[in-house]
PDB file of N, CA and C in Angstrom:
ATOM      1  N   UNK A   1       0.816  -1.292  -0.014  1.00  0.00           N
ATOM      2  CA  UNK A   1      -0.044   0.018   0.016  1.00  0.00           C
ATOM      3  C   UNK A   1       0.852   1.270   0.037  1.00  0.00           C
ATOM      4  N   UNK A   2       2.254   1.160   0.490  1.00  0.00           N
ATOM      5  CA  UNK A   2       2.986   2.201   0.431  1.00  0.00           C
ATOM      6  C   UNK A   2       3.302   2.845  -0.921  1.00  0.00           C
ATOM      7  N   UNK A   3       3.425   2.086  -1.869  1.00  0.00           N
ATOM      8  CA  UNK A   3       3.728   2.319  -3.285  1.00  0.00           C
ATOM      9  C   UNK A   3       2.365   3.015  -3.868  1.00  0.00           C
ATOM     10  N   UNK A   4       1.208   2.459  -3.578  1.00  0.00           N
ATOM     11  CA  UNK A   4      -0.019   2.996  -3.958  1.00  0.00           C
ATOM     12  C   UNK A   4      -0.199   4.452  -3.497  1.00  0.00           C
ATOM     13  N   UNK A   5       0.215   4.686  -2.195  1.00  0.00           N
ATOM     14  CA  UNK A   5       0.017   6.035  -1.604  1.00  0.00           C
ATOM     15  C   UNK A   5       1.177   6.910  -2.410  1.00  0.00           C
ATOM     16  N   UNK A   6       2.267   6.584  -2.558  1.00  0.00           N
ATOM     17  CA  UNK A   6       3.289   7.328  -3.253  1.00  0.00           C
ATOM     18  C   UNK A   6       2.931   7.682  -4.548  1.00  0.00           C
ATOM     19  N   UNK A   7       2.396   6.684  -5.410  1.00  0.00           N
ATOM     20  CA  UNK A   7       2.145   7.093  -6.710  1.00  0.00           C
ATOM     21  C   UNK A   7       0.879   7.888  -6.810  1.00  0.00           C
ATOM     22  N   UNK A   8      -0.236   7.741  -5.830  1.00  0.00           N
ATOM     23  CA  UNK A   8      -1.551   8.591  -5.858  1.00  0.00           C
ATOM     24  C   UNK A   8      -1.136  10.083  -5.512  1.00  0.00           C
ATOM     25  N   UNK A   9      -0.080  10.201  -4.520  1.00  0.00           N
ATOM     26  CA  UNK A   9       0.344  11.586  -4.093  1.00  0.00           C
ATOM     27  C   UNK A   9       1.058  12.105  -5.299  1.00  0.00           C
ATOM     28  N   UNK A  10       1.836  11.602  -6.080  1.00  0.00           N
ATOM     29  CA  UNK A  10       2.608  11.970  -7.166  1.00  0.00           C
ATOM     30  C   UNK A  10       1.438  12.490  -8.096  1.00  0.00           C
ATOM     31  N   UNK A  11       0.415  11.610  -8.474  1.00  0.00           N
ATOM     32  CA  UNK A  11      -0.812  11.940  -9.485  1.00  0.00           C
ATOM     33  C   UNK A  11      -1.290  13.207  -9.094  1.00  0.00           C
ATOM     34  N   UNK A  12      -1.748  13.225  -7.773  1.00  0.00           N
ATOM     35  CA  UNK A  12      -2.407  14.497  -7.047  1.00  0.00           C
ATOM     36  C   UNK A  12      -1.798  15.692  -7.388  1.00  0.00           C
ATOM     37  N   UNK A  13      -0.287  15.634  -7.181  1.00  0.00           N
ATOM     38  CA  UNK A  13       0.449  16.776  -7.287  1.00  0.00           C
ATOM     39  C   UNK A  13       0.610  17.330  -8.873  1.00  0.00           C
ATOM     40  N   UNK A  14       0.681  16.097  -9.858  1.00  0.00           N
ATOM     41  CA  UNK A  14       0.427  16.501 -11.152  1.00  0.00           C
ATOM     42  C   UNK A  14      -0.675  17.212 -11.465  1.00  0.00           C
ATOM     43  N   UNK A  15      -1.701  16.713 -11.237  1.00  0.00           N
ATOM     44  CA  UNK A  15      -3.039  16.996 -11.528  1.00  0.00           C
ATOM     45  C   UNK A  15      -3.564  18.526 -11.070  1.00  0.00           C
ATOM     46  N   UNK A  16      -2.907  19.077  -9.861  1.00  0.00           N
ATOM     47  CA  UNK A  16      -3.221  20.365  -9.333  1.00  0.00           C
ATOM     48  C   UNK A  16      -3.167  21.477 -10.135  1.00  0.00           C
ATOM     49  N   UNK A  17      -2.170  21.755 -11.033  1.00  0.00           N
ATOM     50  CA  UNK A  17      -2.051  22.918 -11.982  1.00  0.00           C
ATOM     51  C   UNK A  17      -3.391  22.860 -13.109  1.00  0.00           C
ATOM     52  N   UNK A  18      -3.897  21.684 -13.397  1.00  0.00           N
ATOM     53  CA  UNK A  18      -4.951  21.509 -14.023  1.00  0.00           C
ATOM     54  C   UNK A  18      -6.365  21.663 -13.492  1.00  0.00           C
ATOM     55  N   UNK A  19      -6.386  21.799 -12.185  1.00  0.00           N
ATOM     56  CA  UNK A  19      -7.751  21.877 -11.605  1.00  0.00           C
ATOM     57  C   UNK A  19      -7.524  22.521 -10.189  1.00  0.00           C
ATOM     58  N   UNK A  20      -7.880  23.693 -10.219  1.00  0.00           N
ATOM     59  CA  UNK A  20      -7.790  24.616  -8.676  1.00  0.00           C
ATOM     60  C   UNK A  20      -8.598  23.764  -7.753  1.00  0.00           C
ATOM     61  N   UNK A  21      -9.720  23.359  -8.066  1.00  0.00           N
ATOM     62  CA  UNK A  21     -10.340  22.506  -6.682  1.00  0.00           C
ATOM     63  C   UNK A  21     -10.278  21.212  -6.897  1.00  0.00           C
ATOM     64  N   UNK A  22      -9.206  20.583  -7.169  1.00  0.00           N
ATOM     65  CA  UNK A  22      -8.949  18.967  -7.123  1.00  0.00           C
ATOM     66  C   UNK A  22      -9.439  18.313  -6.093  1.00  0.00           C
ATOM     67  N   UNK A  23     -10.519  17.408  -6.017  1.00  0.00           N
ATOM     68  CA  UNK A  23     -10.845  16.520  -5.094  1.00  0.00           C
ATOM     69  C   UNK A  23     -10.473  15.311  -5.313  1.00  0.00           C
ATOM     70  N   UNK A  24      -9.968  14.808  -4.003  1.00  0.00           N
ATOM     71  CA  UNK A  24      -9.527  13.471  -3.916  1.00  0.00           C
ATOM     72  C   UNK A  24     -10.419  12.640  -3.265  1.00  0.00           C
ATOM     73  N   UNK A  25     -10.795  11.279  -3.909  1.00  0.00           N
ATOM     74  CA  UNK A  25     -11.632  10.401  -3.046  1.00  0.00           C
ATOM     75  C   UNK A  25     -10.827   9.028  -2.851  1.00  0.00           C
ATOM     76  N   UNK A  26     -10.667   8.494  -1.750  1.00  0.00           N
ATOM     77  CA  UNK A  26     -10.044   7.420  -1.616  1.00  0.00           C
ATOM     78  C   UNK A  26     -10.965   5.976  -1.258  1.00  0.00           C
ATOM     79  N   UNK A  27     -10.891   5.035  -1.962  1.00  0.00           N
ATOM     80  CA  UNK A  27     -11.724   4.045  -1.788  1.00  0.00           C
ATOM     81  C   UNK A  27     -10.937   2.761  -1.999  1.00  0.00           C
ATOM     82  N   UNK A  28     -10.808   1.986  -0.650  1.00  0.00           N
ATOM     83  CA  UNK A  28     -10.292   0.806  -0.590  1.00  0.00           C
ATOM     84  C   UNK A  28      -8.871   1.006  -1.057  1.00  0.00           C
ATOM     85  N   UNK A  29      -8.467   0.324  -2.447  1.00  0.00           N
ATOM     86  CA  UNK A  29      -7.109   0.280  -2.914  1.00  0.00           C
ATOM     87  C   UNK A  29      -7.238   1.149  -4.156  1.00  0.00           C
ATOM     88  N   UNK A  30      -7.854   2.317  -4.125  1.00  0.00           N
ATOM     89  CA  UNK A  30      -7.782   3.139  -5.279  1.00  0.00           C
ATOM     90  C   UNK A  30      -8.040   4.728  -4.961  1.00  0.00           C
ATOM     91  N   UNK A  31      -7.409   5.565  -5.535  1.00  0.00           N
ATOM     92  CA  UNK A  31      -7.722   7.118  -5.436  1.00  0.00           C
ATOM     93  C   UNK A  31      -8.371   7.592  -6.693  1.00  0.00           C
ATOM     94  N   UNK A  32      -9.345   8.417  -6.742  1.00  0.00           N
ATOM     95  CA  UNK A  32     -10.034   8.943  -7.719  1.00  0.00           C
ATOM     96  C   UNK A  32      -9.927  10.604  -7.646  1.00  0.00           C
ATOM     97  N   UNK A  33      -9.555  11.174  -8.667  1.00  0.00           N
ATOM     98  CA  UNK A  33      -9.397  12.584  -8.673  1.00  0.00           C
ATOM     99  C   UNK A  33     -10.371  13.350  -9.311  1.00  0.00           C
ATOM    100  N   UNK A  34     -11.046  14.130  -8.975  1.00  0.00           N
ATOM    101  CA  UNK A  34     -12.147  14.877  -9.754  1.00  0.00           C
ATOM    102  C   UNK A  34     -11.991  16.432  -9.714  1.00  0.00           C
ATOM    103  N   UNK A  35     -12.317  16.930 -10.971  1.00  0.00           N
ATOM    104  CA  UNK A  35     -12.468  18.371 -11.093  1.00  0.00           C
ATOM    105  C   UNK A  35     -13.741  18.778 -11.280  1.00  0.00           C
ATOM    106  N   UNK A  36     -14.515  19.022 -10.286  1.00  0.00           N
ATOM    107  CA  UNK A  36     -16.075  19.283 -10.522  1.00  0.00           C
ATOM    108  C   UNK A  36     -16.630  17.816 -10.451  1.00  0.00           C
ATOM    109  N   UNK A  37     -17.399  17.670 -11.562  1.00  0.00           N
ATOM    110  CA  UNK A  37     -18.146  16.230 -11.814  1.00  0.00           C
ATOM    111  C   UNK A  37     -17.326  15.409 -12.644  1.00  0.00           C
ATOM    112  N   UNK A  38     -15.974  15.916 -13.234  1.00  0.00           N
ATOM    113  CA  UNK A  38     -15.300  15.245 -14.102  1.00  0.00           C
ATOM    114  C   UNK A  38     -14.235  14.506 -13.533  1.00  0.00           C
ATOM    115  N   UNK A  39     -14.086  13.339 -13.813  1.00  0.00           N
ATOM    116  CA  UNK A  39     -12.990  12.446 -13.301  1.00  0.00           C
ATOM    117  C   UNK A  39     -11.649  12.545 -14.279  1.00  0.00           C
ATOM    118  N   UNK A  40     -10.715  13.080 -13.456  1.00  0.00           N
ATOM    119  CA  UNK A  40      -9.653  13.798 -14.148  1.00  0.00           C
ATOM    120  C   UNK A  40      -8.490  12.596 -14.172  1.00  0.00           C
ATOM    121  N   UNK A  41      -8.358  11.965 -13.096  1.00  0.00           N
ATOM    122  CA  UNK A  41      -7.446  10.765 -12.949  1.00  0.00           C
ATOM    123  C   UNK A  41      -7.681   9.791 -11.922  1.00  0.00           C
ATOM    124  N   UNK A  42      -6.901   8.797 -11.840  1.00  0.00           N
ATOM    125  CA  UNK A  42      -6.890   7.546 -10.770  1.00  0.00           C
ATOM    126  C   UNK A  42      -5.733   6.898 -10.636  1.00  0.00           C
ATOM    127  N   UNK A  43      -5.633   6.218  -9.405  1.00  0.00           N
ATOM    128  CA  UNK A  43      -4.460   5.545  -9.255  1.00  0.00           C
ATOM    129  C   UNK A  43      -5.046   4.409  -8.472  1.00  0.00           C
ATOM    130  N   UNK A  44      -4.726   3.189  -8.921  1.00  0.00           N
ATOM    131  CA  UNK A  44      -5.247   1.935  -8.229  1.00  0.00           C
ATOM    132  C   UNK A  44      -4.139   0.765  -8.006  1.00  0.00           C
ATOM    133  N   UNK A  45      -4.568  -0.022  -7.230  1.00  0.00           N
ATOM    134  CA  UNK A  45      -3.519  -1.249  -7.170  1.00  0.00           C
ATOM    135  C   UNK A  45      -3.950  -2.342  -7.962  1.00  0.00           C
ATOM    136  N   UNK A  46      -3.220  -2.678  -8.990  1.00  0.00           N
ATOM    137  CA  UNK A  46      -3.737  -3.756  -9.925  1.00  0.00           C
ATOM    138  C   UNK A  46      -3.519  -5.079  -9.283  1.00  0.00           C
ATOM    139  N   UNK A  47      -2.304  -5.344  -8.899  1.00  0.00           N
ATOM    140  CA  UNK A  47      -2.407  -6.571  -8.138  1.00  0.00           C
ATOM    141  C   UNK A  47      -1.125  -6.103  -6.809  1.00  0.00           C
ATOM    142  N   UNK A  48      -0.494  -7.397  -6.171  1.00  0.00           N
ATOM    143  CA  UNK A  48       0.297  -6.871  -5.070  1.00  0.00           C
ATOM    144  C   UNK A  48       1.753  -6.435  -5.562  1.00  0.00           C
ATOM    145  N   UNK A  49       1.849  -6.525  -6.892  1.00  0.00           N
ATOM    146  CA  UNK A  49       3.337  -5.876  -7.120  1.00  0.00           C
ATOM    147  C   UNK A  49       3.338  -4.959  -8.352  1.00  0.00           C
ATOM    148  N   UNK A  50       1.882  -4.257  -8.440  1.00  0.00           N
ATOM    149  CA  UNK A  50       1.892  -3.266  -9.575  1.00  0.00           C
ATOM    150  C   UNK A  50       0.738  -2.373  -9.279  1.00  0.00           C
ATOM    151  N   UNK A  51       0.950  -1.051  -9.446  1.00  0.00           N
ATOM    152  CA  UNK A  51       0.051  -0.051  -9.490  1.00  0.00           C
ATOM    153  C   UNK A  51      -0.262   0.692 -10.719  1.00  0.00           C
ATOM    154  N   UNK A  52      -1.327   1.240 -11.116  1.00  0.00           N
ATOM    155  CA  UNK A  52      -1.615   1.915 -12.240  1.00  0.00           C
ATOM    156  C   UNK A  52      -2.102   3.302 -11.901  1.00  0.00           C
ATOM    157  N   UNK A  53      -1.569   4.271 -12.665  1.00  0.00           N
ATOM    158  CA  UNK A  53      -2.010   5.601 -12.454  1.00  0.00           C
ATOM    159  C   UNK A  53      -2.482   6.162 -13.782  1.00  0.00           C
ATOM    160  N   UNK A  54      -3.583   6.847 -14.014  1.00  0.00           N
ATOM    161  CA  UNK A  54      -4.047   7.253 -15.284  1.00  0.00           C
ATOM    162  C   UNK A  54      -4.723   8.754 -15.200  1.00  0.00           C
ATOM    163  N   UNK A  55      -4.315   9.454 -16.343  1.00  0.00           N
ATOM    164  CA  UNK A  55      -5.205  10.735 -16.424  1.00  0.00           C
ATOM    165  C   UNK A  55      -6.053  10.576 -17.658  1.00  0.00           C
ATOM    166  N   UNK A  56      -7.220  11.587 -17.718  1.00  0.00           N
ATOM    167  CA  UNK A  56      -8.175  11.257 -18.506  1.00  0.00           C
ATOM    168  C   UNK A  56      -8.447  12.904 -19.410  1.00  0.00           C
ATOM    169  N   UNK A  57      -8.922  12.729 -20.748  1.00  0.00           N
ATOM    170  CA  UNK A  57      -9.031  13.924 -21.475  1.00  0.00           C
ATOM    171  C   UNK A  57      -9.966  13.553 -22.682  1.00  0.00           C
ATOM    172  N   UNK A  58     -10.669  14.710 -23.135  1.00  0.00           N
ATOM    173  CA  UNK A  58     -11.524  14.592 -24.185  1.00  0.00           C
ATOM    174  C   UNK A  58     -10.898  14.532 -25.434  1.00  0.00           C
ATOM    175  N   UNK A  59      -9.432  15.056 -25.347  1.00  0.00           N
ATOM    176  CA  UNK A  59      -8.753  15.119 -26.664  1.00  0.00           C
ATOM    177  C   UNK A  59      -7.434  14.299 -26.592  1.00  0.00           C
ATOM    178  N   UNK A  60      -6.906  13.571 -27.963  1.00  0.00           N
ATOM    179  CA  UNK A  60      -6.076  13.003 -27.882  1.00  0.00           C
ATOM    180  C   UNK A  60      -4.604  13.494 -27.669  1.00  0.00           C
ATOM    181  N   UNK A  61      -4.450  14.797 -28.218  1.00  0.00           N
ATOM    182  CA  UNK A  61      -3.227  15.408 -28.172  1.00  0.00           C
ATOM    183  C   UNK A  61      -3.222  16.208 -26.933  1.00  0.00           C
ATOM    184  N   UNK A  62      -3.922  16.226 -25.900  1.00  0.00           N
ATOM    185  CA  UNK A  62      -4.084  17.220 -24.703  1.00  0.00           C
ATOM    186  C   UNK A  62      -2.726  17.049 -24.042  1.00  0.00           C
ATOM    187  N   UNK A  63      -2.343  18.317 -23.720  1.00  0.00           N
ATOM    188  CA  UNK A  63      -0.854  18.463 -22.889  1.00  0.00           C
ATOM    189  C   UNK A  63      -1.063  17.488 -21.519  1.00  0.00           C
ATOM    190  N   UNK A  64      -2.225  17.459 -20.975  1.00  0.00           N
ATOM    191  CA  UNK A  64      -2.388  16.595 -19.799  1.00  0.00           C
ATOM    192  C   UNK A  64      -1.728  15.220 -20.017  1.00  0.00           C
ATOM    193  N   UNK A  65      -2.146  14.716 -21.167  1.00  0.00           N
ATOM    194  CA  UNK A  65      -1.886  13.293 -21.337  1.00  0.00           C
ATOM    195  C   UNK A  65      -0.417  13.096 -21.628  1.00  0.00           C
ATOM    196  N   UNK A  66      -0.119  14.009 -22.501  1.00  0.00           N
ATOM    197  CA  UNK A  66       1.647  13.852 -23.102  1.00  0.00           C
ATOM    198  C   UNK A  66       2.479  14.011 -21.733  1.00  0.00           C
ATOM    199  N   UNK A  67       2.307  14.966 -21.270  1.00  0.00           N
ATOM    200  CA  UNK A  67       3.165  15.404 -20.242  1.00  0.00           C
ATOM    201  C   UNK A  67       3.035  14.422 -19.037  1.00  0.00           C
ATOM    202  N   UNK A  68       1.948  13.918 -18.680  1.00  0.00           N
ATOM    203  CA  UNK A  68       1.787  13.183 -17.832  1.00  0.00           C
ATOM    204  C   UNK A  68       2.885  11.811 -17.902  1.00  0.00           C
ATOM    205  N   UNK A  69       2.767  11.316 -19.177  1.00  0.00           N
ATOM    206  CA  UNK A  69       3.625  10.259 -19.352  1.00  0.00           C
ATOM    207  C   UNK A  69       5.040  10.354 -19.257  1.00  0.00           C
ATOM    208  N   UNK A  70       5.496  11.638 -19.472  1.00  0.00           N
ATOM    209  CA  UNK A  70       6.994  11.924 -19.289  1.00  0.00           C
ATOM    210  C   UNK A  70       7.301  12.158 -17.907  1.00  0.00           C
ATOM    211  N   UNK A  71       6.208  12.763 -17.094  1.00  0.00           N
ATOM    212  CA  UNK A  71       6.580  12.925 -15.832  1.00  0.00           C
ATOM    213  C   UNK A  71       6.600  11.702 -14.949  1.00  0.00           C
ATOM    214  N   UNK A  72       5.520  10.705 -15.259  1.00  0.00           N
ATOM    215  CA  UNK A  72       5.895   9.355 -14.765  1.00  0.00           C
ATOM    216  C   UNK A  72       7.219   8.733 -15.093  1.00  0.00           C
ATOM    217  N   UNK A  73       7.757   8.747 -16.300  1.00  0.00           N
ATOM    218  CA  UNK A  73       8.938   8.268 -16.657  1.00  0.00           C
ATOM    219  C   UNK A  73      10.218   8.760 -15.854  1.00  0.00           C
ATOM    220  N   UNK A  74      10.158  10.133 -15.801  1.00  0.00           N
ATOM    221  CA  UNK A  74      11.133  10.654 -15.009  1.00  0.00           C
ATOM    222  C   UNK A  74      10.914  10.408 -13.546  1.00  0.00           C
ATOM    223  N   UNK A  75       9.830  10.461 -12.715  1.00  0.00           N
ATOM    224  CA  UNK A  75       9.850  10.024 -11.519  1.00  0.00           C
ATOM    225  C   UNK A  75      10.043   8.717 -11.236  1.00  0.00           C
ATOM    226  N   UNK A  76       9.438   7.696 -11.920  1.00  0.00           N
ATOM    227  CA  UNK A  76       9.518   6.306 -11.516  1.00  0.00           C
ATOM    228  C   UNK A  76      10.665   5.366 -12.617  1.00  0.00           C
ATOM    229  N   UNK A  77      11.205   6.172 -13.217  1.00  0.00           N
ATOM    230  CA  UNK A  77      12.195   5.474 -14.441  1.00  0.00           C
ATOM    231  C   UNK A  77      11.948   4.022 -14.438  1.00  0.00           C
ATOM    232  N   UNK A  78      13.030   3.330 -13.826  1.00  0.00           N
ATOM    233  CA  UNK A  78      12.941   2.041 -14.228  1.00  0.00           C
ATOM    234  C   UNK A  78      11.935   1.040 -13.587  1.00  0.00           C
ATOM    235  N   UNK A  79      10.916   1.637 -12.864  1.00  0.00           N
ATOM    236  CA  UNK A  79       9.792   0.831 -12.359  1.00  0.00           C
ATOM    237  C   UNK A  79       8.621   0.756 -13.378  1.00  0.00           C
ATOM    238  N   UNK A  80       8.485   1.879 -14.480  1.00  0.00           N
ATOM    239  CA  UNK A  80       7.656   1.707 -15.264  1.00  0.00           C
ATOM    240  C   UNK A  80       7.633   0.639 -16.247  1.00  0.00           C
ATOM    241  N   UNK A  81       6.646  -0.296 -16.158  1.00  0.00           N
ATOM    242  CA  UNK A  81       6.654  -1.572 -16.785  1.00  0.00           C
ATOM    243  C   UNK A  81       5.722  -1.432 -18.127  1.00  0.00           C
ATOM    244  N   UNK A  82       4.921  -0.398 -18.225  1.00  0.00           N
ATOM    245  CA  UNK A  82       3.999  -0.228 -19.289  1.00  0.00           C
ATOM    246  C   UNK A  82       3.371   1.108 -19.201  1.00  0.00           C
ATOM    247  N   UNK A  83       3.220   1.696 -20.512  1.00  0.00           N
ATOM    248  CA  UNK A  83       2.642   3.195 -20.529  1.00  0.00           C
ATOM    249  C   UNK A  83       1.998   3.343 -21.859  1.00  0.00           C
ATOM    250  N   UNK A  84       1.010   4.270 -22.044  1.00  0.00           N
ATOM    251  CA  UNK A  84       0.630   4.659 -23.364  1.00  0.00           C
ATOM    252  C   UNK A  84      -0.732   5.383 -23.252  1.00  0.00           C
ATOM    253  N   UNK A  85      -1.312   5.937 -24.438  1.00  0.00           N
ATOM    254  CA  UNK A  85      -2.560   6.626 -24.404  1.00  0.00           C
ATOM    255  C   UNK A  85      -3.604   5.454 -25.366  1.00  0.00           C
ATOM    256  N   UNK A  86      -4.757   5.560 -24.682  1.00  0.00           N
ATOM    257  CA  UNK A  86      -5.748   4.835 -25.485  1.00  0.00           C
ATOM    258  C   UNK A  86      -7.121   5.512 -25.623  1.00  0.00           C
ATOM    259  N   UNK A  87      -7.772   5.054 -26.339  1.00  0.00           N
ATOM    260  CA  UNK A  87      -9.273   5.705 -26.500  1.00  0.00           C
ATOM    261  C   UNK A  87     -10.091   4.861 -26.127  1.00  0.00           C
ATOM    262  N   UNK A  88     -11.210   5.378 -25.329  1.00  0.00           N
ATOM    263  CA  UNK A  88     -12.408   4.543 -24.732  1.00  0.00           C
ATOM    264  C   UNK A  88     -13.467   5.168 -25.102  1.00  0.00           C
ATOM    265  N   UNK A  89     -14.662   4.267 -25.185  1.00  0.00           N
ATOM    266  CA  UNK A  89     -16.027   4.663 -25.317  1.00  0.00           C
ATOM    267  C   UNK A  89     -16.768   4.453 -24.127  1.00  0.00           C
ATOM    268  N   UNK A  90     -17.462   5.529 -23.790  1.00  0.00           N
ATOM    269  CA  UNK A  90     -18.106   5.509 -22.548  1.00  0.00           C
ATOM    270  C   UNK A  90     -19.751   5.645 -22.921  1.00  0.00           C
ATOM    271  N   UNK A  91     -20.345   5.393 -22.041  1.00  0.00           N
ATOM    272  CA  UNK A  91     -21.972   5.714 -22.464  1.00  0.00           C
ATOM    273  C   UNK A  91     -22.332   7.081 -22.814  1.00  0.00           C
ATOM    274  N   UNK A  92     -21.746   8.008 -22.176  1.00  0.00           N
ATOM    275  CA  UNK A  92     -22.071   9.384 -22.547  1.00  0.00           C
ATOM    276  C   UNK A  92     -21.202  10.213 -23.350  1.00  0.00           C
ATOM    277  N   UNK A  93     -19.927   9.800 -23.299  1.00  0.00           N
ATOM    278  CA  UNK A  93     -18.748  10.531 -24.062  1.00  0.00           C
ATOM    279  C   UNK A  93     -17.759   9.476 -24.459  1.00  0.00           C
ATOM    280  N   UNK A  94     -17.016   9.806 -25.253  1.00  0.00           N
ATOM    281  CA  UNK A  94     -15.719   9.151 -25.621  1.00  0.00           C
ATOM    282  C   UNK A  94     -14.702   9.913 -24.923  1.00  0.00           C
ATOM    283  N   UNK A  95     -13.511   9.514 -24.632  1.00  0.00           N
ATOM    284  CA  UNK A  95     -12.454  10.091 -24.054  1.00  0.00           C
ATOM    285  C   UNK A  95     -11.030   9.251 -24.205  1.00  0.00           C
ATOM    286  N   UNK A  96     -10.168   9.901 -24.082  1.00  0.00           N
ATOM    287  CA  UNK A  96      -8.570   9.220 -24.135  1.00  0.00           C
ATOM    288  C   UNK A  96      -8.231   9.321 -22.660  1.00  0.00           C
ATOM    289  N   UNK A  97      -7.128   8.111 -22.538  1.00  0.00           N
ATOM    290  CA  UNK A  97      -6.528   8.307 -21.189  1.00  0.00           C
ATOM    291  C   UNK A  97      -4.910   7.941 -21.271  1.00  0.00           C
ATOM    292  N   UNK A  98      -4.202   8.574 -20.410  1.00  0.00           N
ATOM    293  CA  UNK A  98      -2.778   8.149 -20.580  1.00  0.00           C
ATOM    294  C   UNK A  98      -2.555   7.245 -19.310  1.00  0.00           C
ATOM    295  N   UNK A  99      -2.020   5.926 -19.482  1.00  0.00           N
ATOM    296  CA  UNK A  99      -2.102   5.055 -18.528  1.00  0.00           C
ATOM    297  C   UNK A  99      -0.537   4.521 -18.260  1.00  0.00           C
ATOM    298  N   UNK A 100      -0.170   4.259 -17.099  1.00  0.00           N
ATOM    299  CA  UNK A 100       1.113   3.962 -16.548  1.00  0.00           C
ATOM    300  C   UNK A 100       0.762   2.593 -15.719  1.00  0.00           C
ATOM    301  N   UNK A 101       1.738   1.496 -15.756  1.00  0.00           N
ATOM    302  CA  UNK A 101       1.889   0.584 -14.851  1.00  0.00           C
ATOM    303  C   UNK A 101       3.191   0.601 -14.422  1.00  0.00           C
ATOM    304  N   UNK A 102       3.162   0.735 -12.914  1.00  0.00           N
ATOM    305  CA  UNK A 102       4.295   0.928 -12.032  1.00  0.00           C
ATOM    306  C   UNK A 102       4.604  -0.260 -11.237  1.00  0.00           C
ATOM    307  N   UNK A 103       5.850  -0.815 -11.307  1.00  0.00           N
ATOM    308  CA  UNK A 103       5.983  -1.988 -10.520  1.00  0.00           C
ATOM    309  C   UNK A 103       6.482  -1.383  -9.131  1.00  0.00           C
ATOM    310  N   UNK A 104       5.998  -2.181  -7.953  1.00  0.00           N
ATOM    311  CA  UNK A 104       6.031  -1.475  -6.569  1.00  0.00           C
ATOM    312  C   UNK A 104       7.328  -2.289  -5.889  1.00  0.00           C
TER     313      UNK A 104
END
């Protein structure tokens, strides 16, 4: 859980410049980051030796996505096992997300 908290704190600090009133909700083994009613990011424990941290955007080339991948790589360097940007279809809207899998 120590790694989960470390990665969640990093994600929270990364998101603060993108949302003045960033709200953090902790539920069991995950952190959710909201800007108003919009889910801006999440950090979850995938399994006992891997944490995933993700940010979301409506646009593929959004700075929040591209810079997040770089920032995670710089901070967690050799611990990053997988990262990328994907597109997802949701019920109400489509969105893009930058994800990172970090070894604990």
